[in-house]
Amino acid sequence: MNFLNRNKNTARGFTLIELLVVIAIISLLASVVLVNLNGARQKTRDVLRKSELRHLQSALEIYYSTYGSYPDTGGAWYSSEPGDEAGSNNGGDWIPGLAPDYIGELPTDPKGGESSIAYCNTEHSYKSAFLYISNGVNYKLLSNCAFESISASDAYENSDSYYDPVHSSWAWMVTNKPDLPPGGDCTFYDYESDYPVCW
């Protein structure tokens, strides 16, 4: 009988130190998972930005086949974000006449708002946004101050088709002018502007 009672008395729970160690290990594992999840979210948003650029480019080409010109901005940059110093929002119609006939609705940047790129938010008040400019004959469409998982310079080194030699450190682009000068060596501009298109 004493033998059974002795075994009951020696069975005990976890000590406070053991519980704290287990909690610390679980916290460490959770933080590693969250950091990796955040990186995956950034990559997903970058993929979405490039997908939106291609989708808009297709809609612009269909528009061009109908009218014989691209939606004209009169030499001004239009931005998908209201209050963006880089361009006017044009009341939300930042690619005039494209929606709803050629695209359901004009997209906005998946994150939008303040950019995490230093050049965009310290030297300027550029937002994470899509920008568009056109003279009817040519156009340029940017994912401006928005990329998160890869820099534009990395895109250049990897021969990324979205690399923009003019805005090489803060924007991706698509254009109907594939012969942009390498390295941003612009010899002329289509528009006189603080934010020129260099073809």
C-alpha atoms as a PDB file:
ATOM      1  CA  MET A   1       0.000   0.000   0.000  1.00  0.00           C
ATOM      2  CA  ASN A   2       2.842   2.403   0.865  1.00  0.00           C
ATOM      3  CA  PHE A   3       4.425   1.652  -2.494  1.00  0.00           C
ATOM      4  CA  LEU A   4       1.315   2.845  -4.362  1.00  0.00           C
ATOM      5  CA  ASN A   5       1.050   6.013  -2.288  1.00  0.00           C
ATOM      6  CA  ARG A   6       4.712   6.820  -2.873  1.00  0.00           C
ATOM      7  CA  ASN A   7       4.229   6.636  -6.688  1.00  0.00           C
ATOM      8  CA  LYS A   8       1.233   8.966  -6.487  1.00  0.00           C
ATOM      9  CA  ASN A   9       3.226  11.536  -4.547  1.00  0.00           C
ATOM     10  CA  THR A  10       6.172  11.549  -6.959  1.00  0.00           C
ATOM     11  CA  ALA A  11       4.005  12.311 -10.036  1.00  0.00           C
ATOM     12  CA  ARG A  12       4.124  16.076 -10.565  1.00  0.00           C
ATOM     13  CA  GLY A  13       3.359  18.710 -13.304  1.00  0.00           C
ATOM     14  CA  PHE A  14       5.632  21.026 -15.242  1.00  0.00           C
ATOM     15  CA  THR A  15       7.741  23.544 -13.385  1.00  0.00           C
ATOM     16  CA  LEU A  16       7.485  27.247 -14.153  1.00  0.00           C
ATOM     17  CA  ILE A  17      10.892  27.188 -15.871  1.00  0.00           C
ATOM     18  CA  GLU A  18       9.857  24.323 -18.146  1.00  0.00           C
ATOM     19  CA  LEU A  19       6.680  26.191 -19.122  1.00  0.00           C
ATOM     20  CA  LEU A  20       8.651  29.369 -19.865  1.00  0.00           C
ATOM     21  CA  VAL A  21      11.098  27.446 -22.068  1.00  0.00           C
ATOM     22  CA  VAL A  22       8.224  25.888 -24.051  1.00  0.00           C
ATOM     23  CA  ILE A  23       6.541  29.309 -24.471  1.00  0.00           C
ATOM     24  CA  ALA A  24       9.834  30.856 -25.632  1.00  0.00           C
ATOM     25  CA  ILE A  25      10.353  28.111 -28.227  1.00  0.00           C
ATOM     26  CA  ILE A  26       6.794  28.475 -29.535  1.00  0.00           C
ATOM     27  CA  SER A  27       7.219  32.285 -29.744  1.00  0.00           C
ATOM     28  CA  LEU A  28      10.475  31.915 -31.668  1.00  0.00           C
ATOM     29  CA  LEU A  29       8.910  29.491 -34.151  1.00  0.00           C
ATOM     30  CA  ALA A  30       5.875  31.764 -34.588  1.00  0.00           C
ATOM     31  CA  SER A  31       8.080  34.786 -35.345  1.00  0.00           C
ATOM     32  CA  VAL A  32      10.047  32.827 -37.973  1.00  0.00           C
ATOM     33  CA  VAL A  33       6.792  31.751 -39.637  1.00  0.00           C
ATOM     34  CA  LEU A  34       5.446  35.330 -39.595  1.00  0.00           C
ATOM     35  CA  VAL A  35       8.634  36.743 -41.158  1.00  0.00           C
ATOM     36  CA  ASN A  36       8.474  34.152 -43.950  1.00  0.00           C
ATOM     37  CA  LEU A  37       4.764  34.809 -44.422  1.00  0.00           C
ATOM     38  CA  ASN A  38       5.413  38.555 -44.745  1.00  0.00           C
ATOM     39  CA  GLY A  39       8.051  37.899 -47.434  1.00  0.00           C
ATOM     40  CA  ALA A  40       5.591  35.697 -49.314  1.00  0.00           C
ATOM     41  CA  ARG A  41       2.959  38.444 -49.148  1.00  0.00           C
ATOM     42  CA  GLN A  42       5.439  40.984 -50.572  1.00  0.00           C
ATOM     43  CA  LYS A  43       6.294  38.654 -53.467  1.00  0.00           C
ATOM     44  CA  THR A  44       2.602  38.043 -54.120  1.00  0.00           C
ATOM     45  CA  ARG A  45       1.895  41.790 -54.291  1.00  0.00           C
ATOM     46  CA  ASP A  46       4.831  42.272 -56.708  1.00  0.00           C
ATOM     47  CA  VAL A  47       3.521  39.487 -58.953  1.00  0.00           C
ATOM     48  CA  LEU A  48       0.088  41.134 -58.863  1.00  0.00           C
ATOM     49  CA  ARG A  49       1.585  44.518 -59.847  1.00  0.00           C
ATOM     50  CA  LYS A  50       3.291  43.020 -62.891  1.00  0.00           C
ATOM     51  CA  SER A  51       0.133  41.137 -63.790  1.00  0.00           C
ATOM     52  CA  GLU A  52      -1.884  44.372 -63.635  1.00  0.00           C
ATOM     53  CA  LEU A  53       0.666  46.117 -65.880  1.00  0.00           C
ATOM     54  CA  ARG A  54       0.298  43.369 -68.506  1.00  0.00           C
ATOM     55  CA  HIS A  55      -3.489  43.384 -68.203  1.00  0.00           C
ATOM     56  CA  LEU A  56      -3.593  47.170 -68.678  1.00  0.00           C
ATOM     57  CA  GLN A  57      -1.191  46.909 -71.610  1.00  0.00           C
ATOM     58  CA  SER A  58      -3.530  44.438 -73.327  1.00  0.00           C
ATOM     59  CA  ALA A  59      -6.506  46.737 -72.740  1.00  0.00           C
ATOM     60  CA  LEU A  60      -4.540  49.693 -74.144  1.00  0.00           C
ATOM     61  CA  GLU A  61      -3.723  47.750 -77.316  1.00  0.00           C
ATOM     62  CA  ILE A  62      -7.404  46.856 -77.791  1.00  0.00           C
ATOM     63  CA  TYR A  63      -8.280  50.549 -77.274  1.00  0.00           C
ATOM     64  CA  TYR A  64      -5.648  51.489 -79.864  1.00  0.00           C
ATOM     65  CA  SER A  65      -7.046  49.002 -82.392  1.00  0.00           C
ATOM     66  CA  THR A  66     -10.474  50.638 -81.980  1.00  0.00           C
ATOM     67  CA  TYR A  67      -9.498  54.340 -82.050  1.00  0.00           C
ATOM     68  CA  GLY A  68      -6.077  54.394 -83.731  1.00  0.00           C
ATOM     69  CA  SER A  69      -4.548  56.139 -80.699  1.00  0.00           C
ATOM     70  CA  TYR A  70      -3.967  55.556 -77.002  1.00  0.00           C
ATOM     71  CA  PRO A  71      -5.925  57.394 -74.277  1.00  0.00           C
ATOM     72  CA  ASP A  72      -4.312  60.854 -74.235  1.00  0.00           C
ATOM     73  CA  THR A  73      -3.323  62.546 -70.971  1.00  0.00           C
ATOM     74  CA  GLY A  74      -2.285  65.830 -72.582  1.00  0.00           C
ATOM     75  CA  GLY A  75       1.309  65.437 -71.463  1.00  0.00           C
ATOM     76  CA  ALA A  76       0.503  64.900 -67.776  1.00  0.00           C
ATOM     77  CA  TRP A  77       1.139  61.902 -65.566  1.00  0.00           C
ATOM     78  CA  TYR A  78      -2.030  60.402 -64.101  1.00  0.00           C
ATOM     79  CA  SER A  79      -1.860  58.386 -60.882  1.00  0.00           C
ATOM     80  CA  SER A  80      -4.067  55.638 -59.492  1.00  0.00           C
ATOM     81  CA  GLU A  81      -3.687  57.204 -56.017  1.00  0.00           C
ATOM     82  CA  PRO A  82      -5.379  60.470 -55.003  1.00  0.00           C
ATOM     83  CA  GLY A  83      -2.943  63.058 -53.627  1.00  0.00           C
ATOM     84  CA  ASP A  84       0.098  61.512 -55.361  1.00  0.00           C
ATOM     85  CA  GLU A  85       2.734  64.177 -56.081  1.00  0.00           C
ATOM     86  CA  ALA A  86       3.854  62.146 -59.121  1.00  0.00           C
ATOM     87  CA  GLY A  87       0.597  62.755 -61.000  1.00  0.00           C
ATOM     88  CA  SER A  88      -3.022  63.821 -60.972  1.00  0.00           C
ATOM     89  CA  ASN A  89      -5.654  61.229 -60.077  1.00  0.00           C
ATOM     90  CA  ASN A  90      -7.999  62.763 -62.712  1.00  0.00           C
ATOM     91  CA  GLY A  91     -11.010  61.952 -60.552  1.00  0.00           C
ATOM     92  CA  GLY A  92     -10.118  58.249 -60.549  1.00  0.00           C
ATOM     93  CA  ASP A  93     -10.110  58.019 -64.362  1.00  0.00           C
ATOM     94  CA  TRP A  94      -6.334  57.765 -64.473  1.00  0.00           C
ATOM     95  CA  ILE A  95      -6.334  56.095 -67.913  1.00  0.00           C
ATOM     96  CA  PRO A  96      -9.069  58.165 -69.591  1.00  0.00           C
ATOM     97  CA  GLY A  97     -11.766  56.180 -71.367  1.00  0.00           C
ATOM     98  CA  LEU A  98     -10.294  52.723 -70.739  1.00  0.00           C
ATOM     99  CA  ALA A  99     -12.848  51.545 -68.165  1.00  0.00           C
ATOM    100  CA  PRO A 100     -15.427  50.037 -68.313  1.00  0.00           C
ATOM    101  CA  ASP A 101     -15.367  49.265 -72.058  1.00  0.00           C
ATOM    102  CA  TYR A 102     -11.813  47.881 -72.330  1.00  0.00           C
ATOM    103  CA  ILE A 103     -11.183  46.844 -68.736  1.00  0.00           C
ATOM    104  CA  GLY A 104     -13.738  46.257 -65.982  1.00  0.00           C
ATOM    105  CA  GLU A 105     -12.220  48.853 -63.664  1.00  0.00           C
ATOM    106  CA  LEU A 106      -8.885  50.579 -63.326  1.00  0.00           C
ATOM    107  CA  PRO A 107      -6.748  48.838 -60.692  1.00  0.00           C
ATOM    108  CA  THR A 108      -4.976  50.452 -57.781  1.00  0.00           C
ATOM    109  CA  ASP A 109      -1.723  49.318 -56.215  1.00  0.00           C
ATOM    110  CA  PRO A 110      -2.268  46.305 -53.901  1.00  0.00           C
ATOM    111  CA  LYS A 111      -0.721  48.206 -51.000  1.00  0.00           C
ATOM    112  CA  GLY A 112      -1.285  51.790 -52.124  1.00  0.00           C
ATOM    113  CA  GLY A 113      -0.505  54.876 -50.101  1.00  0.00           C
ATOM    114  CA  GLU A 114       2.899  55.710 -48.676  1.00  0.00           C
ATOM    115  CA  SER A 115       5.851  54.066 -50.353  1.00  0.00           C
ATOM    116  CA  SER A 116       8.520  52.133 -48.465  1.00  0.00           C
ATOM    117  CA  ILE A 117      11.163  53.274 -50.990  1.00  0.00           C
ATOM    118  CA  ALA A 118      13.297  56.045 -49.486  1.00  0.00           C
ATOM    119  CA  TYR A 119      13.580  58.116 -52.684  1.00  0.00           C
ATOM    120  CA  CYS A 120       9.806  58.249 -52.991  1.00  0.00           C
ATOM    121  CA  ASN A 121       8.929  59.315 -49.468  1.00  0.00           C
ATOM    122  CA  THR A 122      11.919  61.407 -48.366  1.00  0.00           C
ATOM    123  CA  GLU A 123      12.814  63.428 -51.457  1.00  0.00           C
ATOM    124  CA  HIS A 124       9.221  63.461 -52.776  1.00  0.00           C
ATOM    125  CA  SER A 125       5.683  62.574 -51.752  1.00  0.00           C
ATOM    126  CA  TYR A 126       5.253  59.851 -54.342  1.00  0.00           C
ATOM    127  CA  LYS A 127       2.815  57.111 -53.418  1.00  0.00           C
ATOM    128  CA  SER A 128       2.819  53.422 -54.253  1.00  0.00           C
ATOM    129  CA  ALA A 129       0.684  53.705 -57.373  1.00  0.00           C
ATOM    130  CA  PHE A 130       0.256  53.024 -61.057  1.00  0.00           C
ATOM    131  CA  LEU A 131       1.140  55.995 -63.297  1.00  0.00           C
ATOM    132  CA  TYR A 132       0.144  56.560 -66.916  1.00  0.00           C
ATOM    133  CA  ILE A 133       1.158  59.136 -69.528  1.00  0.00           C
ATOM    134  CA  SER A 134       0.442  59.296 -73.245  1.00  0.00           C
ATOM    135  CA  ASN A 135       0.401  61.678 -76.185  1.00  0.00           C
ATOM    136  CA  GLY A 136      -1.978  59.381 -78.088  1.00  0.00           C
ATOM    137  CA  VAL A 137       0.859  57.943 -80.192  1.00  0.00           C
ATOM    138  CA  ASN A 138       3.005  56.527 -77.395  1.00  0.00           C
ATOM    139  CA  TYR A 139       2.333  55.668 -73.780  1.00  0.00           C
ATOM    140  CA  LYS A 140       4.175  54.626 -70.679  1.00  0.00           C
ATOM    141  CA  LEU A 141       2.644  52.830 -67.723  1.00  0.00           C
ATOM    142  CA  LEU A 142       4.504  52.539 -64.411  1.00  0.00           C
ATOM    143  CA  SER A 143       4.189  50.626 -61.194  1.00  0.00           C
ATOM    144  CA  ASN A 144       5.708  53.522 -59.314  1.00  0.00           C
ATOM    145  CA  CYS A 145       7.401  53.462 -55.889  1.00  0.00           C
ATOM    146  CA  ALA A 146       5.726  50.149 -55.153  1.00  0.00           C
ATOM    147  CA  PHE A 147       7.921  47.055 -55.495  1.00  0.00           C
ATOM    148  CA  GLU A 148       8.654  45.246 -52.264  1.00  0.00           C
ATOM    149  CA  SER A 149      10.433  41.924 -52.781  1.00  0.00           C
ATOM    150  CA  ILE A 150      12.880  42.856 -55.531  1.00  0.00           C
ATOM    151  CA  SER A 151      14.431  46.189 -56.421  1.00  0.00           C
ATOM    152  CA  ALA A 152      14.374  47.676 -59.890  1.00  0.00           C
ATOM    153  CA  SER A 153      18.175  47.383 -60.082  1.00  0.00           C
ATOM    154  CA  ASP A 154      17.851  43.646 -59.332  1.00  0.00           C
ATOM    155  CA  ALA A 155      15.283  43.482 -62.127  1.00  0.00           C
ATOM    156  CA  TYR A 156      17.827  45.070 -64.483  1.00  0.00           C
ATOM    157  CA  GLU A 157      20.535  42.597 -63.506  1.00  0.00           C
ATOM    158  CA  ASN A 158      18.109  39.723 -64.101  1.00  0.00           C
ATOM    159  CA  SER A 159      16.999  41.120 -67.502  1.00  0.00           C
ATOM    160  CA  ASP A 160      13.470  41.644 -66.209  1.00  0.00           C
ATOM    161  CA  SER A 161      11.226  42.883 -69.028  1.00  0.00           C
ATOM    162  CA  TYR A 162       9.626  45.378 -66.597  1.00  0.00           C
ATOM    163  CA  TYR A 163      12.905  47.200 -65.918  1.00  0.00           C
ATOM    164  CA  ASP A 164      12.631  50.948 -66.580  1.00  0.00           C
ATOM    165  CA  PRO A 165      15.958  52.559 -67.531  1.00  0.00           C
ATOM    166  CA  VAL A 166      14.563  56.050 -66.893  1.00  0.00           C
ATOM    167  CA  HIS A 167      13.170  55.432 -63.413  1.00  0.00           C
ATOM    168  CA  SER A 168      15.611  52.654 -62.707  1.00  0.00           C
ATOM    169  CA  SER A 169      15.585  52.631 -58.915  1.00  0.00           C
ATOM    170  CA  TRP A 170      11.916  53.070 -58.098  1.00  0.00           C
ATOM    171  CA  ALA A 171       9.601  51.927 -60.918  1.00  0.00           C
ATOM    172  CA  TRP A 172       8.648  49.067 -63.220  1.00  0.00           C
ATOM    173  CA  MET A 173       7.108  49.850 -66.584  1.00  0.00           C
ATOM    174  CA  VAL A 174       5.429  48.725 -69.773  1.00  0.00           C
ATOM    175  CA  THR A 175       5.309  50.847 -72.904  1.00  0.00           C
ATOM    176  CA  ASN A 176       4.566  50.603 -76.594  1.00  0.00           C
ATOM    177  CA  LYS A 177       8.127  51.879 -77.220  1.00  0.00           C
ATOM    178  CA  PRO A 178      10.409  48.881 -76.690  1.00  0.00           C
ATOM    179  CA  ASP A 179      13.515  50.810 -77.828  1.00  0.00           C
ATOM    180  CA  LEU A 180      14.064  52.835 -74.656  1.00  0.00           C
ATOM    181  CA  PRO A 181      17.714  53.816 -74.304  1.00  0.00           C
ATOM    182  CA  PRO A 182      19.701  51.586 -71.934  1.00  0.00           C
ATOM    183  CA  GLY A 183      20.765  53.008 -68.613  1.00  0.00           C
ATOM    184  CA  GLY A 184      18.329  55.928 -68.828  1.00  0.00           C
ATOM    185  CA  ASP A 185      20.496  57.854 -71.294  1.00  0.00           C
ATOM    186  CA  CYS A 186      17.704  60.125 -72.556  1.00  0.00           C
ATOM    187  CA  THR A 187      18.469  62.337 -75.505  1.00  0.00           C
ATOM    188  CA  PHE A 188      14.996  63.863 -75.835  1.00  0.00           C
ATOM    189  CA  TYR A 189      11.670  63.999 -74.066  1.00  0.00           C
ATOM    190  CA  ASP A 190       8.145  63.851 -75.402  1.00  0.00           C
ATOM    191  CA  TYR A 191       6.978  66.292 -72.747  1.00  0.00           C
ATOM    192  CA  GLU A 192       8.406  69.177 -70.810  1.00  0.00           C
ATOM    193  CA  SER A 193       7.724  68.056 -67.279  1.00  0.00           C
ATOM    194  CA  ASP A 194       9.338  67.460 -63.921  1.00  0.00           C
ATOM    195  CA  TYR A 195       8.518  63.811 -64.468  1.00  0.00           C
ATOM    196  CA  PRO A 196       9.255  63.311 -68.162  1.00  0.00           C
ATOM    197  CA  VAL A 197       8.669  60.333 -70.382  1.00  0.00           C
ATOM    198  CA  CYS A 198      11.863  59.405 -72.135  1.00  0.00           C
ATOM    199  CA  TRP A 199      11.228  57.197 -75.160  1.00  0.00           C
END
